[in-house]
Protein backbone atom coordinates (compact mmCIF):
# COMPACT_ATOMS: atom_id res chain seq x y z
CA UNK A 1 15.98 3.34 5.09
CA UNK A 2 12.78 1.19 5.67
CA UNK A 3 10.33 0.37 2.94
CA UNK A 4 7.24 2.48 3.16
CA UNK A 5 3.66 1.46 2.73
CA UNK A 6 1.82 4.69 1.59
CA UNK A 7 -1.88 4.56 2.44
CA UNK A 8 -4.32 7.01 0.80
CA UNK A 9 -6.41 8.29 3.73
CA UNK A 10 -8.64 10.39 1.51
CA UNK A 11 -9.82 7.52 -0.60
CA UNK A 12 -13.64 7.42 -0.48
CA UNK A 13 -14.01 4.09 -2.41
CA UNK A 14 -17.27 5.38 -4.03
CA UNK A 15 -18.89 6.39 -0.75
CA UNK A 16 -20.54 9.64 -0.21
CA UNK A 17 -19.06 11.72 2.49
CA UNK A 18 -20.91 11.35 5.84
CA UNK A 19 -20.35 13.90 8.67
CA UNK A 20 -18.36 12.24 11.44
CA UNK A 21 -17.50 9.01 9.47
CA UNK A 22 -13.90 8.51 8.35
CA UNK A 23 -13.11 8.10 4.65
CA UNK A 24 -12.69 4.39 3.58
CA UNK A 25 -8.96 5.11 3.18
CA UNK A 26 -8.72 6.51 6.76
CA UNK A 27 -10.38 3.32 7.97
CA UNK A 28 -7.81 1.26 5.98
CA UNK A 29 -5.03 3.27 7.54
CA UNK A 30 -6.50 2.73 11.06
CA UNK A 31 -6.67 -0.93 10.44
CA UNK A 32 -3.18 -1.09 9.26
CA UNK A 33 -1.66 0.76 11.99
CA UNK A 34 -3.64 -0.99 14.73
CA UNK A 35 -1.44 -3.99 13.86
CA UNK A 36 2.31 -4.14 14.65
CA UNK A 37 4.21 -3.54 11.26
CA UNK A 38 7.07 -5.77 10.43
CA UNK A 39 10.61 -4.56 11.03
CA UNK A 40 11.93 -2.54 8.09
CA UNK A 41 8.35 -1.16 7.22
CA UNK A 42 7.05 2.20 7.77
CA UNK A 43 3.24 3.03 7.27
CA UNK A 44 2.82 6.53 5.98
CA UNK A 45 -0.60 8.33 5.38
CA UNK A 46 -0.77 10.25 2.20
CA UNK A 47 -3.53 12.63 0.94
CA UNK A 48 -4.03 11.13 -2.58
CA UNK A 49 -2.55 8.41 -4.80
CA UNK A 50 -4.61 9.47 -7.74
CA UNK A 51 -6.30 6.17 -7.90
CA UNK A 52 -9.72 7.45 -7.08
CA UNK A 53 -11.61 5.23 -9.60
CA UNK A 54 -10.27 2.08 -7.95
CA UNK A 55 -11.33 2.56 -4.38
CA UNK A 56 -8.80 2.47 -1.51
CA UNK A 57 -5.24 2.45 -2.70
CA UNK A 58 -1.77 1.89 -1.14
CA UNK A 59 1.75 2.14 -2.70
CA UNK A 60 4.89 0.36 -1.76
CA UNK A 61 8.39 1.98 -2.30
CA UNK A 62 11.85 1.58 -1.09
CA UNK A 63 15.20 3.16 -2.13
CA UNK A 64 16.59 1.48 -5.28
CA UNK A 65 13.57 -0.86 -5.53
CA UNK A 66 10.56 -1.18 -7.86
CA UNK A 67 7.40 0.47 -6.48
CA UNK A 68 3.84 -0.73 -6.67
CA UNK A 69 0.43 0.71 -6.45
CA UNK A 70 -2.51 -1.52 -5.34
CA UNK A 71 -6.17 -0.72 -5.40
CA UNK A 72 -9.68 -1.94 -4.68
CA UNK A 73 -8.73 -2.49 -1.06
CA UNK A 74 -10.62 -2.27 2.24
CA UNK A 75 -9.78 -2.30 5.86
CA UNK A 76 -10.66 -5.99 5.82
CA UNK A 77 -7.66 -6.61 3.70
CA UNK A 78 -5.17 -5.21 6.39
CA UNK A 79 -3.66 -8.51 7.29
CA UNK A 80 -3.04 -9.46 3.69
CA UNK A 81 -1.55 -5.99 2.95
CA UNK A 82 0.95 -6.19 5.84
CA UNK A 83 1.91 -9.67 4.78
CA UNK A 84 2.68 -8.51 1.27
CA UNK A 85 4.39 -5.36 2.50
CA UNK A 86 6.62 -7.40 4.87
CA UNK A 87 7.72 -9.57 1.93
CA UNK A 88 8.38 -6.52 -0.21
CA UNK A 89 10.40 -5.00 2.68
CA UNK A 90 12.41 -8.17 2.88
CA UNK A 91 13.79 -7.69 -0.66
CA UNK A 92 16.53 -5.41 -1.90
CA UNK A 93 14.92 -4.72 -5.27
CA UNK A 94 11.22 -4.69 -4.47
CA UNK A 95 10.59 -7.94 -6.73
CA UNK A 96 8.61 -10.48 -4.80
CA UNK A 97 8.12 -13.58 -6.85
CA UNK A 98 4.47 -13.53 -8.14
CA UNK A 99 3.58 -16.89 -6.46
CA UNK A 100 4.81 -15.52 -3.01
CA UNK A 101 2.53 -12.44 -3.03
CA UNK A 102 -0.86 -12.32 -1.20
CA UNK A 103 -3.69 -12.92 -3.72
CA UNK A 104 -4.67 -9.27 -3.45
CA UNK A 105 -1.26 -8.16 -4.51
CA UNK A 106 -1.37 -10.66 -7.57
CA UNK A 107 -4.93 -9.44 -8.72
CA UNK A 108 -5.16 -5.82 -7.60
CA UNK A 109 -2.04 -4.23 -8.93
CA UNK A 110 -2.58 -1.00 -10.57
CA UNK A 111 0.93 0.10 -11.37
CA UNK A 112 4.65 -1.17 -11.28
CA UNK A 113 7.23 1.77 -11.35
CA UNK A 114 10.81 1.12 -11.97
CA UNK A 115 13.37 2.34 -9.39
CA UNK A 116 15.14 5.73 -9.57
CA UNK A 117 18.60 5.47 -11.05
CA UNK A 118 21.36 6.46 -8.74
CA UNK A 119 24.20 8.57 -9.97
CA UNK A 120 27.45 6.62 -10.81
């Protein structure tokens, strides 16, 4: 199963709703999906990651791996997000060495969540 990059498409990033203008999170999702994702990575839109106070948010997850939530992102960060997501997808445990992460993943991490245990 590929790693998943969950993108909150409802994030407003502090912007007021404007008729006909997509939310900031939807714009981030569009910027990410406009580029070709790396093999082993699936980009998934989600309704809310409950990180509303931090602007646009994404989450990385994979079976048996640590998960991460990142915030304060914009559509201008799409290339760096995909770079970090590709490095995450290349791991078996979700642990990318700190120095190998894009700067936004080093500085804008909101949460690190341990993997679910599998039954013996």
